C-alpha atoms as a PDB file:
ATOM      1  CA  MET A   1       0.000   0.000   0.000  1.00  0.00           C
ATOM      2  CA  THR A   2       1.358   3.411  -0.958  1.00  0.00           C
ATOM      3  CA  ASN A   3       1.285   6.489   1.277  1.00  0.00           C
ATOM      4  CA  LEU A   4      -1.450   7.932  -0.934  1.00  0.00           C
ATOM      5  CA  GLU A   5      -3.571   4.809  -0.605  1.00  0.00           C
ATOM      6  CA  ALA A   6      -3.120   4.845   3.187  1.00  0.00           C
ATOM      7  CA  THR A   7      -4.212   8.481   3.263  1.00  0.00           C
ATOM      8  CA  LEU A   8      -7.458   7.834   1.367  1.00  0.00           C
ATOM      9  CA  GLY A   9      -9.312   6.545   4.426  1.00  0.00           C
ATOM     10  CA  ARG A  10      -8.749   9.806   6.301  1.00  0.00           C
ATOM     11  CA  CYS A  11      -9.896  12.187   3.556  1.00  0.00           C
ATOM     12  CA  GLY A  12     -13.125  13.844   2.526  1.00  0.00           C
ATOM     13  CA  ASP A  13     -14.765  13.139  -0.829  1.00  0.00           C
ATOM     14  CA  VAL A  14     -13.015  15.878  -2.810  1.00  0.00           C
ATOM     15  CA  MET A  15      -9.563  14.963  -1.520  1.00  0.00           C
ATOM     16  CA  LYS A  16     -10.296  11.274  -2.192  1.00  0.00           C
ATOM     17  CA  GLU A  17     -11.070  12.133  -5.818  1.00  0.00           C
ATOM     18  CA  ILE A  18      -7.783  14.039  -6.124  1.00  0.00           C
ATOM     19  CA  ILE A  19      -5.787  11.184  -4.583  1.00  0.00           C
ATOM     20  CA  ASP A  20      -7.627   8.676  -6.798  1.00  0.00           C
ATOM     21  CA  GLY A  21      -6.515  10.776  -9.755  1.00  0.00           C
ATOM     22  CA  PHE A  22      -2.884  10.611  -8.604  1.00  0.00           C
ATOM     23  CA  LEU A  23      -3.119   6.848  -8.193  1.00  0.00           C
ATOM     24  CA  LYS A  24      -4.678   6.430 -11.620  1.00  0.00           C
ATOM     25  CA  PHE A  25      -1.900   8.548 -13.118  1.00  0.00           C
ATOM     26  CA  GLN A  26       0.746   6.421 -11.407  1.00  0.00           C
ATOM     27  CA  LYS A  27      -0.802   3.098 -12.449  1.00  0.00           C
ATOM     28  CA  GLU A  28      -2.235   3.845 -15.910  1.00  0.00           C
ATOM     29  CA  VAL A  29      -0.956   7.084 -17.440  1.00  0.00           C
ATOM     30  CA  PHE A  30       2.682   7.173 -16.310  1.00  0.00           C
ATOM     31  CA  PRO A  31       3.577   3.681 -17.579  1.00  0.00           C
ATOM     32  CA  GLU A  32       2.271   4.581 -21.046  1.00  0.00           C
ATOM     33  CA  ARG A  33       4.382   7.770 -21.117  1.00  0.00           C
ATOM     34  CA  ALA A  34       7.388   6.442 -19.226  1.00  0.00           C
ATOM     35  CA  GLU A  35       9.891   7.310 -21.958  1.00  0.00           C
ATOM     36  CA  LEU A  36       8.705  10.918 -22.122  1.00  0.00           C
ATOM     37  CA  PHE A  37       8.916  11.369 -18.354  1.00  0.00           C
ATOM     38  CA  LYS A  38      12.316   9.661 -18.245  1.00  0.00           C
ATOM     39  CA  LYS A  39      13.567  12.232 -20.757  1.00  0.00           C
ATOM     40  CA  LEU A  40      11.965  15.087 -18.800  1.00  0.00           C
ATOM     41  CA  SER A  41      13.586  13.884 -15.557  1.00  0.00           C
ATOM     42  CA  LEU A  42      16.966  14.811 -17.048  1.00  0.00           C
ATOM     43  CA  ALA A  43      16.077  18.341 -18.159  1.00  0.00           C
ATOM     44  CA  GLN A  44      13.298  20.573 -19.407  1.00  0.00           C
ATOM     45  CA  ALA A  45      13.426  22.639 -22.555  1.00  0.00           C
ATOM     46  CA  PRO A  46      10.086  24.438 -22.982  1.00  0.00           C
ATOM     47  CA  THR A  47       9.726  26.459 -26.159  1.00  0.00           C
ATOM     48  CA  ALA A  48       7.449  29.168 -24.769  1.00  0.00           C
ATOM     49  CA  LEU A  49       6.465  31.009 -21.621  1.00  0.00           C
ATOM     50  CA  PHE A  50       2.683  31.005 -21.260  1.00  0.00           C
ATOM     51  CA  VAL A  51       1.089  33.530 -18.881  1.00  0.00           C
ATOM     52  CA  THR A  52      -2.563  32.971 -18.129  1.00  0.00           C
ATOM     53  CA  CYS A  53      -5.269  33.095 -15.481  1.00  0.00           C
ATOM     54  CA  SER A  54      -5.618  30.736 -12.533  1.00  0.00           C
ATOM     55  CA  ASP A  55      -9.289  30.167 -13.442  1.00  0.00           C
ATOM     56  CA  SER A  56     -10.032  26.454 -13.010  1.00  0.00           C
ATOM     57  CA  ARG A  57     -11.941  26.311 -16.307  1.00  0.00           C
ATOM     58  CA  PHE A  58      -8.816  27.091 -18.305  1.00  0.00           C
ATOM     59  CA  VAL A  59      -6.118  24.428 -18.779  1.00  0.00           C
ATOM     60  CA  PRO A  60      -3.177  25.793 -20.813  1.00  0.00           C
ATOM     61  CA  GLU A  61      -1.796  22.425 -21.895  1.00  0.00           C
ATOM     62  CA  MET A  62      -5.244  21.255 -22.986  1.00  0.00           C
ATOM     63  CA  VAL A  63      -6.186  24.286 -25.066  1.00  0.00           C
ATOM     64  CA  THR A  64      -2.751  24.514 -26.675  1.00  0.00           C
ATOM     65  CA  GLN A  65      -2.477  20.744 -27.124  1.00  0.00           C
ATOM     66  CA  ARG A  66       1.044  20.748 -25.696  1.00  0.00           C
ATOM     67  CA  GLU A  67       2.851  17.850 -24.070  1.00  0.00           C
ATOM     68  CA  PRO A  68       4.463  17.935 -20.610  1.00  0.00           C
ATOM     69  CA  GLY A  69       7.663  19.945 -20.889  1.00  0.00           C
ATOM     70  CA  ASP A  70       6.521  22.009 -23.881  1.00  0.00           C
ATOM     71  CA  ILE A  71       5.406  25.224 -22.188  1.00  0.00           C
ATOM     72  CA  PHE A  72       6.516  26.992 -19.015  1.00  0.00           C
ATOM     73  CA  VAL A  73       3.374  28.302 -17.334  1.00  0.00           C
ATOM     74  CA  ILE A  74       2.650  31.242 -15.039  1.00  0.00           C
ATOM     75  CA  ARG A  75      -0.879  31.286 -13.623  1.00  0.00           C
ATOM     76  CA  ASN A  76      -2.452  33.917 -11.405  1.00  0.00           C
ATOM     77  CA  ALA A  77      -5.680  35.856 -11.022  1.00  0.00           C
ATOM     78  CA  GLY A  78      -6.095  37.975 -14.145  1.00  0.00           C
ATOM     79  CA  ASN A  79      -2.994  36.711 -16.048  1.00  0.00           C
ATOM     80  CA  ILE A  80      -1.038  39.630 -14.610  1.00  0.00           C
ATOM     81  CA  VAL A  81       2.663  40.430 -15.000  1.00  0.00           C
ATOM     82  CA  PRO A  82       3.617  43.283 -12.673  1.00  0.00           C
ATOM     83  CA  ALA A  83       6.026  45.812 -14.114  1.00  0.00           C
ATOM     84  CA  TYR A  84       9.589  45.138 -12.985  1.00  0.00           C
ATOM     85  CA  GLY A  85      10.370  46.983  -9.757  1.00  0.00           C
ATOM     86  CA  GLY A  86      12.630  47.242  -6.755  1.00  0.00           C
ATOM     87  CA  GLU A  87      11.261  44.130  -5.048  1.00  0.00           C
ATOM     88  CA  PRO A  88      10.594  41.553  -7.772  1.00  0.00           C
ATOM     89  CA  GLY A  89       8.042  38.911  -6.810  1.00  0.00           C
ATOM     90  CA  GLY A  90       7.266  35.391  -7.914  1.00  0.00           C
ATOM     91  CA  VAL A  91       6.045  36.354 -11.380  1.00  0.00           C
ATOM     92  CA  SER A  92       9.185  38.376 -12.095  1.00  0.00           C
ATOM     93  CA  ALA A  93      11.375  35.517 -10.859  1.00  0.00           C
ATOM     94  CA  THR A  94       9.556  33.044 -13.073  1.00  0.00           C
ATOM     95  CA  VAL A  95       9.825  35.286 -16.149  1.00  0.00           C
ATOM     96  CA  GLU A  96      13.534  35.733 -15.475  1.00  0.00           C
ATOM     97  CA  TYR A  97      14.117  32.002 -15.057  1.00  0.00           C
ATOM     98  CA  ALA A  98      12.146  31.122 -18.178  1.00  0.00           C
ATOM     99  CA  VAL A  99      14.001  33.629 -20.346  1.00  0.00           C
ATOM    100  CA  ALA A 100      17.511  33.667 -18.864  1.00  0.00           C
ATOM    101  CA  VAL A 101      17.877  30.008 -17.880  1.00  0.00           C
ATOM    102  CA  LEU A 102      15.432  28.020 -20.004  1.00  0.00           C
ATOM    103  CA  GLU A 103      15.988  30.396 -22.922  1.00  0.00           C
ATOM    104  CA  VAL A 104      12.408  30.533 -24.136  1.00  0.00           C
ATOM    105  CA  ALA A 105      12.116  32.934 -27.056  1.00  0.00           C
ATOM    106  CA  ASP A 106       8.326  33.119 -27.278  1.00  0.00           C
ATOM    107  CA  ILE A 107       6.061  34.599 -24.624  1.00  0.00           C
ATOM    108  CA  VAL A 108       2.260  34.386 -24.690  1.00  0.00           C
ATOM    109  CA  VAL A 109      -0.142  36.291 -22.452  1.00  0.00           C
ATOM    110  CA  CYS A 110      -3.584  34.709 -22.642  1.00  0.00           C
ATOM    111  CA  GLY A 111      -6.792  36.142 -21.222  1.00  0.00           C
ATOM    112  CA  HIS A 112     -10.191  34.471 -21.270  1.00  0.00           C
ATOM    113  CA  SER A 113     -13.893  35.215 -21.281  1.00  0.00           C
ATOM    114  CA  ASP A 114     -15.897  35.433 -18.049  1.00  0.00           C
ATOM    115  CA  CYS A 115     -12.740  36.184 -16.061  1.00  0.00           C
ATOM    116  CA  GLY A 116     -13.641  36.918 -12.440  1.00  0.00           C
ATOM    117  CA  ALA A 117     -10.671  39.227 -11.947  1.00  0.00           C
ATOM    118  CA  MET A 118     -11.479  41.286 -15.036  1.00  0.00           C
ATOM    119  CA  THR A 119     -15.174  41.320 -14.123  1.00  0.00           C
ATOM    120  CA  ALA A 120     -14.290  42.804 -10.731  1.00  0.00           C
ATOM    121  CA  ILE A 121     -12.296  45.561 -12.428  1.00  0.00           C
ATOM    122  CA  ALA A 122     -14.791  46.277 -15.210  1.00  0.00           C
ATOM    123  CA  THR A 123     -17.704  46.521 -12.780  1.00  0.00           C
ATOM    124  CA  HIS A 124     -15.741  48.395 -10.074  1.00  0.00           C
ATOM    125  CA  LYS A 125     -16.600  45.683  -7.582  1.00  0.00           C
ATOM    126  CA  ASP A 126     -16.043  46.500  -3.917  1.00  0.00           C
ATOM    127  CA  LEU A 127     -13.055  44.384  -2.864  1.00  0.00           C
ATOM    128  CA  THR A 128     -12.782  45.717   0.693  1.00  0.00           C
ATOM    129  CA  ARG A 129     -12.990  42.241   2.172  1.00  0.00           C
ATOM    130  CA  LEU A 130     -10.392  40.950  -0.308  1.00  0.00           C
ATOM    131  CA  PRO A 131      -7.449  43.285   0.274  1.00  0.00           C
ATOM    132  CA  ALA A 132      -4.879  40.938  -1.257  1.00  0.00           C
ATOM    133  CA  VAL A 133      -6.966  40.605  -4.411  1.00  0.00           C
ATOM    134  CA  ALA A 134      -7.518  44.368  -4.569  1.00  0.00           C
ATOM    135  CA  GLY A 135      -3.806  44.996  -4.237  1.00  0.00           C
ATOM    136  CA  TRP A 136      -2.965  42.450  -6.916  1.00  0.00           C
ATOM    137  CA  LEU A 137      -5.463  43.837  -9.402  1.00  0.00           C
ATOM    138  CA  ARG A 138      -3.909  47.295  -9.122  1.00  0.00           C
ATOM    139  CA  HIS A 139      -1.332  45.930 -11.566  1.00  0.00           C
ATOM    140  CA  ALA A 140      -4.149  46.219 -14.121  1.00  0.00           C
ATOM    141  CA  ASP A 141      -4.923  49.885 -13.318  1.00  0.00           C
ATOM    142  CA  ALA A 142      -3.538  51.121 -16.655  1.00  0.00           C
ATOM    143  CA  ALA A 143      -5.790  48.730 -18.548  1.00  0.00           C
ATOM    144  CA  ALA A 144      -8.774  49.695 -16.387  1.00  0.00           C
ATOM    145  CA  ALA A 145      -8.232  53.395 -17.108  1.00  0.00           C
ATOM    146  CA  ILE A 146      -8.184  52.769 -20.857  1.00  0.00           C
ATOM    147  CA  ASN A 147     -11.257  50.557 -20.663  1.00  0.00           C
ATOM    148  CA  ASP A 148     -13.175  53.111 -18.591  1.00  0.00           C
ATOM    149  CA  SER A 149     -12.392  55.798 -21.148  1.00  0.00           C
ATOM    150  CA  HIS A 150     -14.319  53.902 -23.828  1.00  0.00           C
ATOM    151  CA  GLN A 151     -18.061  53.803 -24.385  1.00  0.00           C
ATOM    152  CA  HIS A 152     -19.372  50.234 -24.216  1.00  0.00           C
ATOM    153  CA  ALA A 153     -22.661  48.992 -25.661  1.00  0.00           C
ATOM    154  CA  SER A 154     -23.229  46.574 -22.766  1.00  0.00           C
ATOM    155  CA  PRO A 155     -21.588  45.108 -19.654  1.00  0.00           C
ATOM    156  CA  THR A 156     -20.609  42.084 -21.747  1.00  0.00           C
ATOM    157  CA  VAL A 157     -18.804  44.261 -24.267  1.00  0.00           C
ATOM    158  CA  ALA A 158     -17.138  46.169 -21.437  1.00  0.00           C
ATOM    159  CA  LEU A 159     -15.825  42.912 -19.964  1.00  0.00           C
ATOM    160  CA  GLU A 160     -14.561  41.673 -23.323  1.00  0.00           C
ATOM    161  CA  SER A 161     -12.774  44.981 -23.796  1.00  0.00           C
ATOM    162  CA  MET A 162     -11.302  44.797 -20.284  1.00  0.00           C
ATOM    163  CA  VAL A 163      -9.897  41.320 -20.948  1.00  0.00           C
ATOM    164  CA  ARG A 164      -8.287  42.578 -24.159  1.00  0.00           C
ATOM    165  CA  GLU A 165      -6.879  45.781 -22.661  1.00  0.00           C
ATOM    166  CA  ASN A 166      -5.457  43.841 -19.739  1.00  0.00           C
ATOM    167  CA  VAL A 167      -3.578  41.432 -22.007  1.00  0.00           C
ATOM    168  CA  ILE A 168      -2.087  44.388 -23.899  1.00  0.00           C
ATOM    169  CA  ALA A 169      -1.109  46.051 -20.602  1.00  0.00           C
ATOM    170  CA  GLN A 170       0.612  42.902 -19.337  1.00  0.00           C
ATOM    171  CA  LEU A 171       2.607  42.618 -22.567  1.00  0.00           C
ATOM    172  CA  THR A 172       3.713  46.199 -21.958  1.00  0.00           C
ATOM    173  CA  ASN A 173       4.702  45.284 -18.402  1.00  0.00           C
ATOM    174  CA  LEU A 174       6.736  42.354 -19.686  1.00  0.00           C
ATOM    175  CA  ARG A 175       8.867  44.775 -21.671  1.00  0.00           C
ATOM    176  CA  THR A 176      10.027  46.374 -18.403  1.00  0.00           C
ATOM    177  CA  HIS A 177      11.706  43.137 -17.311  1.00  0.00           C
ATOM    178  CA  PRO A 178      15.482  43.191 -17.907  1.00  0.00           C
ATOM    179  CA  SER A 179      15.589  39.529 -18.894  1.00  0.00           C
ATOM    180  CA  VAL A 180      13.041  40.222 -21.642  1.00  0.00           C
ATOM    181  CA  THR A 181      14.535  43.472 -22.911  1.00  0.00           C
ATOM    182  CA  CYS A 182      17.967  41.812 -23.109  1.00  0.00           C
ATOM    183  CA  LEU A 183      16.680  39.198 -25.532  1.00  0.00           C
ATOM    184  CA  PRO A 184      17.907  39.694 -29.123  1.00  0.00           C
ATOM    185  CA  ARG A 185      15.017  41.235 -31.029  1.00  0.00           C
ATOM    186  CA  SER A 186      15.275  38.486 -33.638  1.00  0.00           C
ATOM    187  CA  ILE A 187      14.190  35.837 -31.140  1.00  0.00           C
ATOM    188  CA  ARG A 188      11.888  37.925 -28.915  1.00  0.00           C
ATOM    189  CA  THR A 189       8.274  37.247 -29.799  1.00  0.00           C
ATOM    190  CA  MET A 190       5.378  38.198 -27.537  1.00  0.00           C
ATOM    191  CA  GLN A 191       1.816  37.372 -28.429  1.00  0.00           C
ATOM    192  CA  MET A 192      -1.610  37.988 -26.959  1.00  0.00           C
ATOM    193  CA  CYS A 193      -4.565  35.646 -27.139  1.00  0.00           C
ATOM    194  CA  GLN A 194      -8.028  35.373 -25.686  1.00  0.00           C
ATOM    195  CA  LEU A 195     -10.101  32.249 -25.141  1.00  0.00           C
ATOM    196  CA  ASN A 196     -13.875  32.143 -24.952  1.00  0.00           C
ATOM    197  CA  VAL A 197     -14.544  29.327 -22.497  1.00  0.00           C
ATOM    198  CA  ARG A 198     -18.016  28.787 -23.972  1.00  0.00           C
ATOM    199  CA  VAL A 199     -17.003  28.170 -27.578  1.00  0.00           C
ATOM    200  CA  GLY A 200     -13.308  27.312 -27.306  1.00  0.00           C
ATOM    201  CA  TRP A 201     -11.679  30.259 -29.062  1.00  0.00           C
END
C-alpha cells in the first residue's frame, strides 16, 4: 500500500477524488508515457512562456495541445505580469528564469472570457474584504483606465474589452523586465490571445 492509498481513508470526498486521480496517473498514465517522463527527468526545454489566469476552467496544456515539458506556465488571477520593480516577486522571478535560464524565445499572455478578476475591475466591484486581491489587481490599473475611457454597448462588451486591454497592458509590463529586454530582437516574440470558455476560441 502506498502512502497515498493509506491516506485515502482519512480524507473527505473531494480529496479522495484528487488522490484517486494521482493513483490512476501512477498506475495507468505514467507507464504509457514512461519514456517521455524519463527524458523530462533529465532536463526541461520548454519552447514558450505562457502567462494565463488561474481560473479552473482554463487548462493551458489542454487548449494549446502541448505535451508535458513544452510550455513553461505562469498562472495567477487575471494573467497579470507586474512591471519590474525594486522588489521583484514570484512572477518576475519566473519570467527571469524562463528567459535567462530556459531560454524561451516566445512569450504568450492569454486572457479568457468570463474572467472573475477582469469582471471585478470592469464593474468596479467592492473588494474591501479581499485586500490581497484588490492589491494584486492594481497591476491592471492602466488597462482599467483605458477601458473606462471607452463607451461600451453593454456590460458584456465592457468585460470583453477589459480582458483585451489587460492582455495588452501585461505585454507592456513584460517589456520592463530586464531579462526580456535583453533578448535579441530576432528571437523575442510576444503574443496575446483570448479564449472564450463557452465556444473554445
